[in-house]
């Protein structure tokens, strides 16, 4: 079978991700018959992913490791599109997740630096499961990011989504499940400090360039961690907005006076919370996250007046007859460009 006959299968990761982003952006224009269109898109992107897998298999058989890696990363992007199109309670959801897991296993075949399932030693003598992807040679000092999945996403699914994003960025990843953190008996920020300790023991990680990225409710964990452990060099988090909103709602409920809360006092308090973070902060607002755009804009305005540095990222959400779909390609690229900028793109030789 000639792969050249398939215009959607070139094994070129940038092109594949641009195509996925363009498709997601145009969903509202293409969506005319709801469920029927959705099933056609699922079948189309499943086929695209399968074809990229076959191209990767052929390349690995020919000893073309780099080309195989590119093709399998393209496949992971395609299968993530499928995951976004399938409802969580649809039987096709499990099939899409299984394809992502198989894609990760294929991806490992072409790597000199393997994805390592690791156990992080915690303060209470328990262990936390995680995935570790080293950036490169132990002779180089590279930045690293602790990535915590959303509350309804496993660490494996987050890893599959992020592998294409971090390709070529020269940073290590430590990927952790939200459930494994939140169900732990110890304080979550303490557990994440143990994760940072683990990275400090890795010879290829620069101890001055370790960031944290929390998705969904894990953005709250990332905020608490960055506030309590000043070794964190950059944080993608909620900026304290979730806890502050809960406090404000509780006060309003107890006093029955939420409508008379002094906005000036609120602004000062918001700024006080963000001051606890000693590193650059990116707040992801709207979309599938937990932070509203309006509250994030207020926080940014308060920080500018302080002045405190904070940046916002607002995911692109596309409305369809079946509900909203996030352009995860554009959102993830935005987040990791920011992390790359704040942590530094280039790896430095390790001093001896």
C-alpha atoms as a PDB file:
ATOM      1  CA  UNK A   1       0.000   0.000   0.000  1.00  0.00           C
ATOM      2  CA  UNK A   2       1.409   3.404  -0.933  1.00  0.00           C
ATOM      3  CA  UNK A   3       1.315   5.953   1.873  1.00  0.00           C
ATOM      4  CA  UNK A   4       1.857   8.712  -0.701  1.00  0.00           C
ATOM      5  CA  UNK A   5      -1.707   8.049  -1.821  1.00  0.00           C
ATOM      6  CA  UNK A   6      -2.963   9.268   1.543  1.00  0.00           C
ATOM      7  CA  UNK A   7      -2.571  13.075   1.599  1.00  0.00           C
ATOM      8  CA  UNK A   8      -3.406  13.205   5.318  1.00  0.00           C
ATOM      9  CA  UNK A   9      -0.491  10.913   6.250  1.00  0.00           C
ATOM     10  CA  UNK A  10       2.878  12.595   5.851  1.00  0.00           C
ATOM     11  CA  UNK A  11       4.363  11.945   9.276  1.00  0.00           C
ATOM     12  CA  UNK A  12       4.987  15.703   9.652  1.00  0.00           C
ATOM     13  CA  UNK A  13       4.031  16.674  13.219  1.00  0.00           C
ATOM     14  CA  UNK A  14       3.694  20.471  12.747  1.00  0.00           C
ATOM     15  CA  UNK A  15       1.434  19.925   9.725  1.00  0.00           C
ATOM     16  CA  UNK A  16      -0.640  17.311  11.567  1.00  0.00           C
ATOM     17  CA  UNK A  17      -1.179  19.617  14.525  1.00  0.00           C
ATOM     18  CA  UNK A  18      -2.067  22.555  12.294  1.00  0.00           C
ATOM     19  CA  UNK A  19      -4.626  20.357  10.530  1.00  0.00           C
ATOM     20  CA  UNK A  20      -6.130  19.238  13.852  1.00  0.00           C
ATOM     21  CA  UNK A  21      -6.315  22.832  15.136  1.00  0.00           C
ATOM     22  CA  UNK A  22      -7.941  24.029  11.894  1.00  0.00           C
ATOM     23  CA  UNK A  23     -10.485  21.202  12.020  1.00  0.00           C
ATOM     24  CA  UNK A  24     -11.441  22.038  15.607  1.00  0.00           C
ATOM     25  CA  UNK A  25     -11.715  25.758  14.837  1.00  0.00           C
ATOM     26  CA  UNK A  26     -14.065  25.033  11.928  1.00  0.00           C
ATOM     27  CA  UNK A  27     -16.347  22.601  13.756  1.00  0.00           C
ATOM     28  CA  UNK A  28     -19.086  25.200  14.141  1.00  0.00           C
ATOM     29  CA  UNK A  29     -19.148  25.746  10.360  1.00  0.00           C
ATOM     30  CA  UNK A  30     -19.094  22.031   9.517  1.00  0.00           C
ATOM     31  CA  UNK A  31     -21.609  20.919  12.155  1.00  0.00           C
ATOM     32  CA  UNK A  32     -24.952  20.725  10.330  1.00  0.00           C
ATOM     33  CA  UNK A  33     -26.617  17.523  11.468  1.00  0.00           C
ATOM     34  CA  UNK A  34     -25.304  17.027  15.002  1.00  0.00           C
ATOM     35  CA  UNK A  35     -24.776  13.374  15.912  1.00  0.00           C
ATOM     36  CA  UNK A  36     -24.381  12.218  12.294  1.00  0.00           C
ATOM     37  CA  UNK A  37     -21.577  14.670  11.637  1.00  0.00           C
ATOM     38  CA  UNK A  38     -19.957  13.775  14.952  1.00  0.00           C
ATOM     39  CA  UNK A  39     -19.820  10.071  14.054  1.00  0.00           C
ATOM     40  CA  UNK A  40     -18.328  10.875  10.644  1.00  0.00           C
ATOM     41  CA  UNK A  41     -15.623  13.013  12.264  1.00  0.00           C
ATOM     42  CA  UNK A  42     -14.834  10.299  14.807  1.00  0.00           C
ATOM     43  CA  UNK A  43     -14.439   7.730  12.010  1.00  0.00           C
ATOM     44  CA  UNK A  44     -12.311  10.144   9.963  1.00  0.00           C
ATOM     45  CA  UNK A  45      -9.877  11.020  12.752  1.00  0.00           C
ATOM     46  CA  UNK A  46      -9.674   7.412  13.926  1.00  0.00           C
ATOM     47  CA  UNK A  47      -8.627   6.428  10.404  1.00  0.00           C
ATOM     48  CA  UNK A  48      -6.085   9.261  10.276  1.00  0.00           C
ATOM     49  CA  UNK A  49      -4.578   8.055  13.560  1.00  0.00           C
ATOM     50  CA  UNK A  50      -4.480   4.436  12.392  1.00  0.00           C
ATOM     51  CA  UNK A  51      -2.805   5.434   9.129  1.00  0.00           C
ATOM     52  CA  UNK A  52      -0.136   7.381  10.989  1.00  0.00           C
ATOM     53  CA  UNK A  53       0.453   4.337  13.199  1.00  0.00           C
ATOM     54  CA  UNK A  54       0.960   2.179  10.109  1.00  0.00           C
ATOM     55  CA  UNK A  55       3.382   4.747   8.683  1.00  0.00           C
ATOM     56  CA  UNK A  56       5.299   4.736  11.960  1.00  0.00           C
ATOM     57  CA  UNK A  57       5.407   0.934  11.968  1.00  0.00           C
ATOM     58  CA  UNK A  58       6.800   0.935   8.437  1.00  0.00           C
ATOM     59  CA  UNK A  59       9.425   3.561   9.329  1.00  0.00           C
ATOM     60  CA  UNK A  60      10.584   1.716  12.432  1.00  0.00           C
ATOM     61  CA  UNK A  61      10.908  -1.440  10.343  1.00  0.00           C
ATOM     62  CA  UNK A  62      13.160   0.476   7.954  1.00  0.00           C
ATOM     63  CA  UNK A  63      15.271   1.831  10.809  1.00  0.00           C
ATOM     64  CA  UNK A  64      14.004   5.414  10.327  1.00  0.00           C
ATOM     65  CA  UNK A  65      13.599   6.200  14.039  1.00  0.00           C
ATOM     66  CA  UNK A  66      12.979   9.936  13.751  1.00  0.00           C
ATOM     67  CA  UNK A  67      10.344   9.496  11.035  1.00  0.00           C
ATOM     68  CA  UNK A  68       8.642   6.776  13.093  1.00  0.00           C
ATOM     69  CA  UNK A  69       8.533   9.060  16.129  1.00  0.00           C
ATOM     70  CA  UNK A  70       6.971  11.874  14.099  1.00  0.00           C
ATOM     71  CA  UNK A  71       4.313   9.560  12.675  1.00  0.00           C
ATOM     72  CA  UNK A  72       3.339   8.172  16.075  1.00  0.00           C
ATOM     73  CA  UNK A  73       3.127  11.668  17.570  1.00  0.00           C
ATOM     74  CA  UNK A  74       0.805  12.577  14.699  1.00  0.00           C
ATOM     75  CA  UNK A  75      -1.294   9.519  15.599  1.00  0.00           C
ATOM     76  CA  UNK A  76      -1.514  10.608  19.250  1.00  0.00           C
ATOM     77  CA  UNK A  77      -2.771  14.033  18.143  1.00  0.00           C
ATOM     78  CA  UNK A  78      -5.422  12.413  15.925  1.00  0.00           C
ATOM     79  CA  UNK A  79      -6.609  10.080  18.685  1.00  0.00           C
ATOM     80  CA  UNK A  80      -6.851  13.040  21.085  1.00  0.00           C
ATOM     81  CA  UNK A  81      -9.163  14.738  18.578  1.00  0.00           C
ATOM     82  CA  UNK A  82     -11.301  11.590  18.719  1.00  0.00           C
ATOM     83  CA  UNK A  83     -11.330  11.698  22.525  1.00  0.00           C
ATOM     84  CA  UNK A  84     -12.635  15.286  22.397  1.00  0.00           C
ATOM     85  CA  UNK A  85     -15.414  14.336  20.000  1.00  0.00           C
ATOM     86  CA  UNK A  86     -16.623  11.263  21.914  1.00  0.00           C
ATOM     87  CA  UNK A  87     -18.900  11.610  24.942  1.00  0.00           C
ATOM     88  CA  UNK A  88     -17.409  10.208  28.148  1.00  0.00           C
ATOM     89  CA  UNK A  89     -20.224   7.647  28.544  1.00  0.00           C
ATOM     90  CA  UNK A  90     -19.975   6.517  24.901  1.00  0.00           C
ATOM     91  CA  UNK A  91     -18.416   3.025  24.397  1.00  0.00           C
ATOM     92  CA  UNK A  92     -16.150   4.647  21.786  1.00  0.00           C
ATOM     93  CA  UNK A  93     -14.470   6.618  24.585  1.00  0.00           C
ATOM     94  CA  UNK A  94     -12.776   3.497  25.961  1.00  0.00           C
ATOM     95  CA  UNK A  95     -11.663   2.570  22.449  1.00  0.00           C
ATOM     96  CA  UNK A  96     -10.123   6.023  21.907  1.00  0.00           C
ATOM     97  CA  UNK A  97      -8.298   5.805  25.239  1.00  0.00           C
ATOM     98  CA  UNK A  98      -6.976   2.342  24.345  1.00  0.00           C
ATOM     99  CA  UNK A  99      -5.629   3.739  21.068  1.00  0.00           C
ATOM    100  CA  UNK A 100      -3.801   6.487  22.990  1.00  0.00           C
ATOM    101  CA  UNK A 101      -2.223   3.880  25.294  1.00  0.00           C
ATOM    102  CA  UNK A 102      -1.150   1.801  22.286  1.00  0.00           C
ATOM    103  CA  UNK A 103       0.249   4.944  20.665  1.00  0.00           C
ATOM    104  CA  UNK A 104       2.391   5.642  23.727  1.00  0.00           C
ATOM    105  CA  UNK A 105       3.739   2.085  23.624  1.00  0.00           C
ATOM    106  CA  UNK A 106       4.629   2.496  19.943  1.00  0.00           C
ATOM    107  CA  UNK A 107       6.270   5.856  20.634  1.00  0.00           C
ATOM    108  CA  UNK A 108       8.626   4.263  23.126  1.00  0.00           C
ATOM    109  CA  UNK A 109      10.032   1.921  20.471  1.00  0.00           C
ATOM    110  CA  UNK A 110      11.823   4.775  18.720  1.00  0.00           C
ATOM    111  CA  UNK A 111      13.239   6.569  21.758  1.00  0.00           C
ATOM    112  CA  UNK A 112      16.720   6.407  23.154  1.00  0.00           C
ATOM    113  CA  UNK A 113      15.332   8.164  26.226  1.00  0.00           C
ATOM    114  CA  UNK A 114      12.444   5.968  27.345  1.00  0.00           C
ATOM    115  CA  UNK A 115       9.266   6.990  29.114  1.00  0.00           C
ATOM    116  CA  UNK A 116       9.875   5.716  32.632  1.00  0.00           C
ATOM    117  CA  UNK A 117       7.042   4.569  34.921  1.00  0.00           C
ATOM    118  CA  UNK A 118       8.433   5.671  38.298  1.00  0.00           C
ATOM    119  CA  UNK A 119       7.449   5.592  41.965  1.00  0.00           C
ATOM    120  CA  UNK A 120       8.004   8.844  43.868  1.00  0.00           C
ATOM    121  CA  UNK A 121       9.038   8.307  47.493  1.00  0.00           C
ATOM    122  CA  UNK A 122       6.723  10.395  49.703  1.00  0.00           C
ATOM    123  CA  UNK A 123       7.222  11.796  53.183  1.00  0.00           C
ATOM    124  CA  UNK A 124       4.987   9.149  54.802  1.00  0.00           C
ATOM    125  CA  UNK A 125       6.973   6.262  53.274  1.00  0.00           C
ATOM    126  CA  UNK A 126       4.343   5.630  50.619  1.00  0.00           C
ATOM    127  CA  UNK A 127       4.977   5.891  46.890  1.00  0.00           C
ATOM    128  CA  UNK A 128       3.270   7.942  44.194  1.00  0.00           C
ATOM    129  CA  UNK A 129       3.102   6.499  40.648  1.00  0.00           C
ATOM    130  CA  UNK A 130       4.156   8.815  37.819  1.00  0.00           C
ATOM    131  CA  UNK A 131       5.529   8.897  34.292  1.00  0.00           C
ATOM    132  CA  UNK A 132       8.888  10.514  33.680  1.00  0.00           C
ATOM    133  CA  UNK A 133      10.114  11.600  30.240  1.00  0.00           C
ATOM    134  CA  UNK A 134      13.720  12.883  30.284  1.00  0.00           C
ATOM    135  CA  UNK A 135      14.616  15.723  27.956  1.00  0.00           C
ATOM    136  CA  UNK A 136      17.917  14.300  26.794  1.00  0.00           C
ATOM    137  CA  UNK A 137      21.431  13.452  27.839  1.00  0.00           C
ATOM    138  CA  UNK A 138      22.444  13.375  31.544  1.00  0.00           C
ATOM    139  CA  UNK A 139      25.299  15.693  30.491  1.00  0.00           C
ATOM    140  CA  UNK A 140      22.797  18.499  29.850  1.00  0.00           C
ATOM    141  CA  UNK A 141      20.850  20.613  32.321  1.00  0.00           C
ATOM    142  CA  UNK A 142      17.299  20.978  30.987  1.00  0.00           C
ATOM    143  CA  UNK A 143      14.112  22.447  32.476  1.00  0.00           C
ATOM    144  CA  UNK A 144      11.386  20.137  33.758  1.00  0.00           C
ATOM    145  CA  UNK A 145       7.643  20.450  34.360  1.00  0.00           C
ATOM    146  CA  UNK A 146       5.501  18.588  36.891  1.00  0.00           C
ATOM    147  CA  UNK A 147       2.187  17.999  35.063  1.00  0.00           C
ATOM    148  CA  UNK A 148      -0.947  17.068  37.035  1.00  0.00           C
ATOM    149  CA  UNK A 149      -3.942  15.721  35.122  1.00  0.00           C
ATOM    150  CA  UNK A 150      -7.464  17.041  35.496  1.00  0.00           C
ATOM    151  CA  UNK A 151      -9.855  15.353  37.882  1.00  0.00           C
ATOM    152  CA  UNK A 152     -11.471  13.270  35.117  1.00  0.00           C
ATOM    153  CA  UNK A 153      -8.305  12.405  33.216  1.00  0.00           C
ATOM    154  CA  UNK A 154      -5.720   9.745  33.978  1.00  0.00           C
ATOM    155  CA  UNK A 155      -2.022  10.447  33.974  1.00  0.00           C
ATOM    156  CA  UNK A 156      -1.691   8.153  30.944  1.00  0.00           C
ATOM    157  CA  UNK A 157      -4.156  10.212  28.892  1.00  0.00           C
ATOM    158  CA  UNK A 158      -2.423  13.467  29.847  1.00  0.00           C
ATOM    159  CA  UNK A 159       0.927  11.977  28.845  1.00  0.00           C
ATOM    160  CA  UNK A 160      -0.449  10.930  25.458  1.00  0.00           C
ATOM    161  CA  UNK A 161      -1.803  14.425  24.872  1.00  0.00           C
ATOM    162  CA  UNK A 162       1.394  16.208  25.894  1.00  0.00           C
ATOM    163  CA  UNK A 163       3.992  14.056  24.105  1.00  0.00           C
ATOM    164  CA  UNK A 164       3.384  15.818  20.758  1.00  0.00           C
ATOM    165  CA  UNK A 165       3.396  19.233  22.504  1.00  0.00           C
ATOM    166  CA  UNK A 166       6.791  18.863  24.195  1.00  0.00           C
ATOM    167  CA  UNK A 167       8.505  17.279  21.203  1.00  0.00           C
ATOM    168  CA  UNK A 168      11.579  19.354  20.408  1.00  0.00           C
ATOM    169  CA  UNK A 169      11.135  21.746  23.339  1.00  0.00           C
ATOM    170  CA  UNK A 170      14.048  20.352  25.347  1.00  0.00           C
ATOM    171  CA  UNK A 171      12.199  19.863  28.650  1.00  0.00           C
ATOM    172  CA  UNK A 172      11.585  16.861  30.877  1.00  0.00           C
ATOM    173  CA  UNK A 173       8.092  15.899  32.050  1.00  0.00           C
ATOM    174  CA  UNK A 174       6.896  14.300  35.261  1.00  0.00           C
ATOM    175  CA  UNK A 175       3.226  13.378  34.745  1.00  0.00           C
ATOM    176  CA  UNK A 176       0.978  12.621  37.725  1.00  0.00           C
ATOM    177  CA  UNK A 177      -2.697  11.720  38.075  1.00  0.00           C
ATOM    178  CA  UNK A 178      -4.970  14.119  39.970  1.00  0.00           C
ATOM    179  CA  UNK A 179      -6.632  11.199  41.751  1.00  0.00           C
ATOM    180  CA  UNK A 180      -3.320   9.811  42.993  1.00  0.00           C
ATOM    181  CA  UNK A 181      -2.497  13.214  44.513  1.00  0.00           C
ATOM    182  CA  UNK A 182      -5.915  14.117  45.927  1.00  0.00           C
ATOM    183  CA  UNK A 183      -6.496  10.670  47.477  1.00  0.00           C
ATOM    184  CA  UNK A 184      -3.181  10.732  49.288  1.00  0.00           C
ATOM    185  CA  UNK A 185      -3.176  10.962  53.083  1.00  0.00           C
ATOM    186  CA  UNK A 186      -0.517  13.687  53.124  1.00  0.00           C
ATOM    187  CA  UNK A 187      -1.062  17.342  52.242  1.00  0.00           C
ATOM    188  CA  UNK A 188      -1.016  17.656  48.450  1.00  0.00           C
ATOM    189  CA  UNK A 189       1.625  20.402  48.374  1.00  0.00           C
ATOM    190  CA  UNK A 190       3.926  18.186  50.467  1.00  0.00           C
ATOM    191  CA  UNK A 191       3.510  15.348  47.977  1.00  0.00           C
ATOM    192  CA  UNK A 192       4.315  17.671  45.090  1.00  0.00           C
ATOM    193  CA  UNK A 193       7.425  18.856  46.937  1.00  0.00           C
ATOM    194  CA  UNK A 194       8.502  15.210  47.015  1.00  0.00           C
ATOM    195  CA  UNK A 195       7.991  15.151  43.241  1.00  0.00           C
ATOM    196  CA  UNK A 196      10.244  18.189  42.924  1.00  0.00           C
ATOM    197  CA  UNK A 197      12.827  16.443  45.135  1.00  0.00           C
ATOM    198  CA  UNK A 198      12.708  13.505  42.735  1.00  0.00           C
ATOM    199  CA  UNK A 199      13.470  15.794  39.794  1.00  0.00           C
ATOM    200  CA  UNK A 200      16.378  17.366  41.674  1.00  0.00           C
ATOM    201  CA  UNK A 201      17.979  13.917  41.857  1.00  0.00           C
ATOM    202  CA  UNK A 202      17.791  13.505  38.075  1.00  0.00           C
ATOM    203  CA  UNK A 203      21.154  14.445  36.523  1.00  0.00           C
ATOM    204  CA  UNK A 204      19.581  15.960  33.394  1.00  0.00           C
ATOM    205  CA  UNK A 205      17.254  18.372  35.265  1.00  0.00           C
ATOM    206  CA  UNK A 206      18.257  21.956  36.020  1.00  0.00           C
ATOM    207  CA  UNK A 207      17.246  22.521  39.652  1.00  0.00           C
ATOM    208  CA  UNK A 208      16.590  26.234  38.992  1.00  0.00           C
ATOM    209  CA  UNK A 209      14.139  25.585  36.135  1.00  0.00           C
ATOM    210  CA  UNK A 210      11.346  23.361  37.416  1.00  0.00           C
ATOM    211  CA  UNK A 211       7.745  24.378  36.738  1.00  0.00           C
ATOM    212  CA  UNK A 212       4.300  23.009  37.531  1.00  0.00           C
ATOM    213  CA  UNK A 213       1.197  22.714  35.360  1.00  0.00           C
ATOM    214  CA  UNK A 214      -2.161  21.780  36.835  1.00  0.00           C
ATOM    215  CA  UNK A 215      -5.215  21.124  34.687  1.00  0.00           C
ATOM    216  CA  UNK A 216      -8.811  21.548  35.877  1.00  0.00           C
ATOM    217  CA  UNK A 217      -9.013  21.240  39.662  1.00  0.00           C
ATOM    218  CA  UNK A 218      -5.318  20.404  39.669  1.00  0.00           C
ATOM    219  CA  UNK A 219      -4.744  24.101  38.916  1.00  0.00           C
ATOM    220  CA  UNK A 220      -5.653  24.652  42.591  1.00  0.00           C
ATOM    221  CA  UNK A 221      -3.013  22.100  43.636  1.00  0.00           C
ATOM    222  CA  UNK A 222      -0.463  23.878  41.436  1.00  0.00           C
ATOM    223  CA  UNK A 223      -1.231  27.215  43.135  1.00  0.00           C
ATOM    224  CA  UNK A 224      -0.893  25.788  46.644  1.00  0.00           C
ATOM    225  CA  UNK A 225       2.331  24.029  45.664  1.00  0.00           C
ATOM    226  CA  UNK A 226       3.934  27.117  44.122  1.00  0.00           C
ATOM    227  CA  UNK A 227       2.936  29.190  47.164  1.00  0.00           C
ATOM    228  CA  UNK A 228       4.414  26.722  49.646  1.00  0.00           C
ATOM    229  CA  UNK A 229       7.565  25.656  47.765  1.00  0.00           C
ATOM    230  CA  UNK A 230       9.562  28.583  46.427  1.00  0.00           C
ATOM    231  CA  UNK A 231      11.780  26.291  44.370  1.00  0.00           C
ATOM    232  CA  UNK A 232       9.028  26.330  41.721  1.00  0.00           C
ATOM    233  CA  UNK A 233      10.227  28.519  38.842  1.00  0.00           C
ATOM    234  CA  UNK A 234       6.930  28.887  36.906  1.00  0.00           C
ATOM    235  CA  UNK A 235       3.328  27.870  37.561  1.00  0.00           C
ATOM    236  CA  UNK A 236       0.330  27.271  35.313  1.00  0.00           C
ATOM    237  CA  UNK A 237      -2.389  27.437  37.954  1.00  0.00           C
ATOM    238  CA  UNK A 238      -5.605  29.128  39.088  1.00  0.00           C
ATOM    239  CA  UNK A 239      -3.889  32.046  40.856  1.00  0.00           C
ATOM    240  CA  UNK A 240      -5.802  31.292  44.062  1.00  0.00           C
ATOM    241  CA  UNK A 241      -9.167  32.147  42.479  1.00  0.00           C
ATOM    242  CA  UNK A 242     -10.903  28.844  43.294  1.00  0.00           C
ATOM    243  CA  UNK A 243     -10.235  29.018  47.022  1.00  0.00           C
ATOM    244  CA  UNK A 244     -10.951  32.743  47.103  1.00  0.00           C
ATOM    245  CA  UNK A 245     -14.302  32.265  45.336  1.00  0.00           C
ATOM    246  CA  UNK A 246     -15.247  29.553  47.843  1.00  0.00           C
ATOM    247  CA  UNK A 247     -14.309  31.824  50.758  1.00  0.00           C
ATOM    248  CA  UNK A 248     -16.326  34.710  49.323  1.00  0.00           C
ATOM    249  CA  UNK A 249     -19.337  32.449  48.740  1.00  0.00           C
ATOM    250  CA  UNK A 250     -19.143  31.139  52.317  1.00  0.00           C
ATOM    251  CA  UNK A 251     -18.998  34.659  53.747  1.00  0.00           C
ATOM    252  CA  UNK A 252     -21.936  35.705  51.597  1.00  0.00           C
ATOM    253  CA  UNK A 253     -23.957  32.661  52.671  1.00  0.00           C
ATOM    254  CA  UNK A 254     -23.249  33.205  56.371  1.00  0.00           C
ATOM    255  CA  UNK A 255     -23.905  36.952  56.345  1.00  0.00           C
ATOM    256  CA  UNK A 256     -26.568  36.946  53.613  1.00  0.00           C
ATOM    257  CA  UNK A 257     -24.728  40.032  52.353  1.00  0.00           C
ATOM    258  CA  UNK A 258     -22.786  38.908  49.329  1.00  0.00           C
ATOM    259  CA  UNK A 259     -24.165  41.831  47.331  1.00  0.00           C
ATOM    260  CA  UNK A 260     -22.634  44.412  49.690  1.00  0.00           C
ATOM    261  CA  UNK A 261     -19.082  43.027  49.868  1.00  0.00           C
ATOM    262  CA  UNK A 262     -16.650  45.898  49.310  1.00  0.00           C
ATOM    263  CA  UNK A 263     -15.023  45.398  45.896  1.00  0.00           C
ATOM    264  CA  UNK A 264     -11.964  47.306  47.063  1.00  0.00           C
ATOM    265  CA  UNK A 265     -11.453  44.835  49.895  1.00  0.00           C
ATOM    266  CA  UNK A 266     -11.970  41.963  47.448  1.00  0.00           C
ATOM    267  CA  UNK A 267      -9.314  43.373  45.097  1.00  0.00           C
ATOM    268  CA  UNK A 268      -6.796  43.748  47.904  1.00  0.00           C
ATOM    269  CA  UNK A 269      -7.432  40.199  49.089  1.00  0.00           C
ATOM    270  CA  UNK A 270      -7.070  38.773  45.580  1.00  0.00           C
ATOM    271  CA  UNK A 271      -3.714  40.524  45.231  1.00  0.00           C
ATOM    272  CA  UNK A 272      -2.585  39.246  48.639  1.00  0.00           C
ATOM    273  CA  UNK A 273      -3.171  35.659  47.558  1.00  0.00           C
ATOM    274  CA  UNK A 274      -1.206  36.000  44.332  1.00  0.00           C
ATOM    275  CA  UNK A 275       1.683  37.657  46.206  1.00  0.00           C
ATOM    276  CA  UNK A 276       2.377  34.287  47.844  1.00  0.00           C
ATOM    277  CA  UNK A 277       3.546  33.020  44.470  1.00  0.00           C
ATOM    278  CA  UNK A 278       7.176  34.030  43.955  1.00  0.00           C
ATOM    279  CA  UNK A 279       7.355  32.798  40.351  1.00  0.00           C
ATOM    280  CA  UNK A 280       5.822  33.755  36.985  1.00  0.00           C
ATOM    281  CA  UNK A 281       2.160  32.719  36.830  1.00  0.00           C
ATOM    282  CA  UNK A 282      -0.110  31.768  33.928  1.00  0.00           C
ATOM    283  CA  UNK A 283      -3.826  31.440  34.737  1.00  0.00           C
ATOM    284  CA  UNK A 284      -5.908  29.416  32.278  1.00  0.00           C
ATOM    285  CA  UNK A 285      -9.437  30.838  32.294  1.00  0.00           C
ATOM    286  CA  UNK A 286     -12.666  29.681  30.686  1.00  0.00           C
ATOM    287  CA  UNK A 287     -13.207  26.580  28.610  1.00  0.00           C
ATOM    288  CA  UNK A 288     -12.996  23.316  30.524  1.00  0.00           C
ATOM    289  CA  UNK A 289     -11.066  24.955  33.360  1.00  0.00           C
ATOM    290  CA  UNK A 290     -12.370  26.012  36.764  1.00  0.00           C
ATOM    291  CA  UNK A 291     -11.562  29.732  36.511  1.00  0.00           C
ATOM    292  CA  UNK A 292     -14.077  32.079  34.887  1.00  0.00           C
ATOM    293  CA  UNK A 293     -12.786  34.590  32.370  1.00  0.00           C
ATOM    294  CA  UNK A 294     -14.356  37.508  34.244  1.00  0.00           C
ATOM    295  CA  UNK A 295     -12.706  36.589  37.554  1.00  0.00           C
ATOM    296  CA  UNK A 296      -9.352  36.021  35.848  1.00  0.00           C
ATOM    297  CA  UNK A 297      -9.532  39.444  34.198  1.00  0.00           C
ATOM    298  CA  UNK A 298     -10.308  41.054  37.569  1.00  0.00           C
ATOM    299  CA  UNK A 299      -7.339  39.232  39.102  1.00  0.00           C
ATOM    300  CA  UNK A 300      -5.056  40.417  36.319  1.00  0.00           C
ATOM    301  CA  UNK A 301      -6.253  44.003  36.787  1.00  0.00           C
ATOM    302  CA  UNK A 302      -5.610  43.804  40.544  1.00  0.00           C
ATOM    303  CA  UNK A 303      -2.135  42.409  39.889  1.00  0.00           C
ATOM    304  CA  UNK A 304      -1.305  45.134  37.382  1.00  0.00           C
ATOM    305  CA  UNK A 305      -2.240  47.755  39.951  1.00  0.00           C
ATOM    306  CA  UNK A 306      -0.092  46.099  42.651  1.00  0.00           C
ATOM    307  CA  UNK A 307       2.085  45.579  40.429  1.00  0.00           C
ATOM    308  CA  UNK A 308       2.372  41.771  40.258  1.00  0.00           C
ATOM    309  CA  UNK A 309       3.205  39.853  37.092  1.00  0.00           C
ATOM    310  CA  UNK A 310       0.498  37.483  35.883  1.00  0.00           C
ATOM    311  CA  UNK A 311      -0.584  36.335  32.431  1.00  0.00           C
ATOM    312  CA  UNK A 312      -3.847  34.838  31.182  1.00  0.00           C
ATOM    313  CA  UNK A 313      -4.573  32.111  28.642  1.00  0.00           C
ATOM    314  CA  UNK A 314      -8.143  31.679  27.394  1.00  0.00           C
ATOM    315  CA  UNK A 315      -8.772  28.388  25.537  1.00  0.00           C
ATOM    316  CA  UNK A 316     -10.646  28.522  22.250  1.00  0.00           C
ATOM    317  CA  UNK A 317     -14.003  26.792  22.644  1.00  0.00           C
ATOM    318  CA  UNK A 318     -16.032  25.849  19.572  1.00  0.00           C
ATOM    319  CA  UNK A 319     -19.797  25.522  19.896  1.00  0.00           C
ATOM    320  CA  UNK A 320     -21.521  22.682  18.013  1.00  0.00           C
ATOM    321  CA  UNK A 321     -24.975  21.127  18.040  1.00  0.00           C
ATOM    322  CA  UNK A 322     -23.593  18.447  20.383  1.00  0.00           C
ATOM    323  CA  UNK A 323     -21.959  20.918  22.786  1.00  0.00           C
ATOM    324  CA  UNK A 324     -18.670  22.789  23.111  1.00  0.00           C
ATOM    325  CA  UNK A 325     -15.313  21.350  22.050  1.00  0.00           C
ATOM    326  CA  UNK A 326     -11.976  22.841  23.107  1.00  0.00           C
ATOM    327  CA  UNK A 327      -9.204  23.432  20.612  1.00  0.00           C
ATOM    328  CA  UNK A 328      -6.729  21.560  22.802  1.00  0.00           C
ATOM    329  CA  UNK A 329      -3.970  21.903  20.183  1.00  0.00           C
ATOM    330  CA  UNK A 330      -3.954  25.708  20.379  1.00  0.00           C
ATOM    331  CA  UNK A 331      -4.379  25.705  24.184  1.00  0.00           C
ATOM    332  CA  UNK A 332      -1.576  23.220  24.881  1.00  0.00           C
ATOM    333  CA  UNK A 333       0.792  24.951  22.468  1.00  0.00           C
ATOM    334  CA  UNK A 334       0.093  28.289  24.183  1.00  0.00           C
ATOM    335  CA  UNK A 335       0.745  26.855  27.660  1.00  0.00           C
ATOM    336  CA  UNK A 336       3.993  25.127  26.740  1.00  0.00           C
ATOM    337  CA  UNK A 337       5.285  28.089  24.751  1.00  0.00           C
ATOM    338  CA  UNK A 338       4.819  30.104  27.935  1.00  0.00           C
ATOM    339  CA  UNK A 339       6.578  27.458  30.041  1.00  0.00           C
ATOM    340  CA  UNK A 340       9.361  27.247  27.478  1.00  0.00           C
ATOM    341  CA  UNK A 341       9.805  31.020  27.647  1.00  0.00           C
ATOM    342  CA  UNK A 342       9.785  31.222  31.452  1.00  0.00           C
ATOM    343  CA  UNK A 343      11.975  28.167  32.060  1.00  0.00           C
ATOM    344  CA  UNK A 344      14.351  28.794  29.180  1.00  0.00           C
ATOM    345  CA  UNK A 345      14.389  26.918  25.893  1.00  0.00           C
ATOM    346  CA  UNK A 346      17.995  25.780  25.628  1.00  0.00           C
ATOM    347  CA  UNK A 347      19.688  23.177  27.780  1.00  0.00           C
ATOM    348  CA  UNK A 348      23.098  24.065  29.214  1.00  0.00           C
ATOM    349  CA  UNK A 349      26.089  21.735  29.732  1.00  0.00           C
ATOM    350  CA  UNK A 350      26.193  20.411  33.273  1.00  0.00           C
ATOM    351  CA  UNK A 351      29.111  21.853  35.270  1.00  0.00           C
ATOM    352  CA  UNK A 352      31.476  19.285  36.684  1.00  0.00           C
END
